[in-house]
Amino acid sequence: MNGQAATTDPQLQHFIEIESQKQRFQQLVHQMTEVCWEKCMDKPGPKMDSRTEMCFVNCVERFIDTSQFILNRLEQTQRSKGSYSETMSE
């Protein structure tokens, strides 16, 4: 094995990191869906009562807030890594 094969390609590392973030986000979506469904849906029926509807609305709004927070945090992390990488390459 040569030395180059032993080190990981930075583009591959970046791709793996992005895919891992996507996977974590999808897991969060799945967990939030389960939480909302279990919390809000007592018994399925042909119509949703106003309490159930408000519960789902609140749950979805919290999910959107959480998603936005996570996306902002990931962007900050990427920007700080980019700044660090640019500094190191100079």
Protein backbone atom coordinates (compact mmCIF):
# COMPACT_ATOMS: atom_id res chain seq x y z
CA MET A 1 0.00 0.00 0.00
CA ASN A 2 1.27 3.46 -0.76
CA GLY A 3 0.95 6.47 1.57
CA GLN A 4 -1.67 8.13 -0.60
CA ALA A 5 -4.06 5.17 -0.30
CA ALA A 6 -3.74 5.32 3.49
CA THR A 7 -4.91 8.94 3.65
CA THR A 8 -8.53 9.74 2.94
CA ASP A 9 -9.42 11.90 -0.05
CA PRO A 10 -10.75 15.26 1.27
CA GLN A 11 -13.58 15.27 -1.28
CA LEU A 12 -14.61 11.78 -0.20
CA GLN A 13 -14.46 12.84 3.44
CA HIS A 14 -16.64 15.87 2.68
CA PHE A 15 -19.14 13.69 0.78
CA ILE A 16 -19.34 11.20 3.67
CA GLU A 17 -19.83 14.03 6.16
CA ILE A 18 -22.69 15.52 4.11
CA GLU A 19 -24.35 12.13 3.69
CA SER A 20 -24.04 11.49 7.44
CA GLN A 21 -25.70 14.83 8.14
CA LYS A 22 -28.51 13.95 5.72
CA GLN A 23 -28.97 10.62 7.47
CA ARG A 24 -29.12 12.29 10.89
CA PHE A 25 -31.67 14.77 9.57
CA GLN A 26 -33.82 11.97 8.13
CA GLN A 27 -33.68 10.17 11.48
CA LEU A 28 -34.83 13.36 13.17
CA VAL A 29 -37.74 13.68 10.73
CA HIS A 30 -38.75 10.09 11.45
CA GLN A 31 -38.51 10.58 15.23
CA MET A 32 -40.49 13.82 15.15
CA THR A 33 -43.18 12.18 13.02
CA GLU A 34 -43.50 9.36 15.53
CA VAL A 35 -43.62 11.76 18.48
CA CYS A 36 -46.29 13.95 16.86
CA TRP A 37 -48.39 10.97 15.83
CA GLU A 38 -48.22 9.26 19.24
CA LYS A 39 -48.79 12.50 21.14
CA CYS A 40 -51.65 13.88 19.07
CA MET A 41 -53.61 10.94 17.66
CA ASP A 42 -55.62 9.26 20.41
CA LYS A 43 -57.91 7.22 18.20
CA PRO A 44 -58.10 7.36 14.41
CA GLY A 45 -61.42 8.37 12.96
CA PRO A 46 -63.00 9.82 9.85
CA LYS A 47 -62.51 13.37 11.12
CA MET A 48 -59.95 15.18 13.23
CA ASP A 49 -61.25 17.17 16.18
CA SER A 50 -59.95 20.68 16.83
CA ARG A 51 -57.74 19.55 19.75
CA THR A 52 -56.01 16.94 17.59
CA GLU A 53 -55.61 19.40 14.73
CA MET A 54 -54.04 22.04 17.02
CA CYS A 55 -51.75 19.41 18.50
CA PHE A 56 -50.50 18.47 15.03
CA VAL A 57 -50.10 22.13 14.04
CA ASN A 58 -48.05 22.85 17.18
CA CYS A 59 -45.97 19.73 16.69
CA VAL A 60 -45.23 20.57 13.06
CA GLU A 61 -44.33 24.16 13.98
CA ARG A 62 -41.88 22.90 16.64
CA PHE A 63 -40.47 20.48 14.08
CA ILE A 64 -39.95 23.33 11.60
CA ASP A 65 -38.28 25.45 14.30
CA THR A 66 -36.01 22.56 15.24
CA SER A 67 -35.16 21.81 11.61
CA GLN A 68 -34.29 25.44 10.96
CA PHE A 69 -32.09 25.55 14.05
CA ILE A 70 -30.25 22.38 12.99
CA LEU A 71 -29.75 23.62 9.42
CA ASN A 72 -28.41 26.96 10.67
CA ARG A 73 -26.05 25.15 13.03
CA LEU A 74 -24.80 22.87 10.24
CA GLU A 75 -24.21 25.91 7.99
CA GLN A 76 -22.22 27.61 10.77
CA THR A 77 -20.16 24.46 11.25
CA GLN A 78 -19.46 24.20 7.52
CA ARG A 79 -18.50 27.88 7.31
CA SER A 80 -16.13 27.59 10.25
CA LYS A 81 -14.54 24.46 8.77
CA GLY A 82 -14.23 26.23 5.41
CA SER A 83 -12.56 29.23 7.04
CA TYR A 84 -10.20 26.96 8.92
CA SER A 85 -9.35 24.99 5.75
CA GLU A 86 -8.73 28.21 3.80
CA THR A 87 -6.46 29.50 6.57
CA MET A 88 -4.51 26.23 6.62
CA SER A 89 -3.99 26.24 2.84
CA GLU A 90 -2.51 29.76 2.81
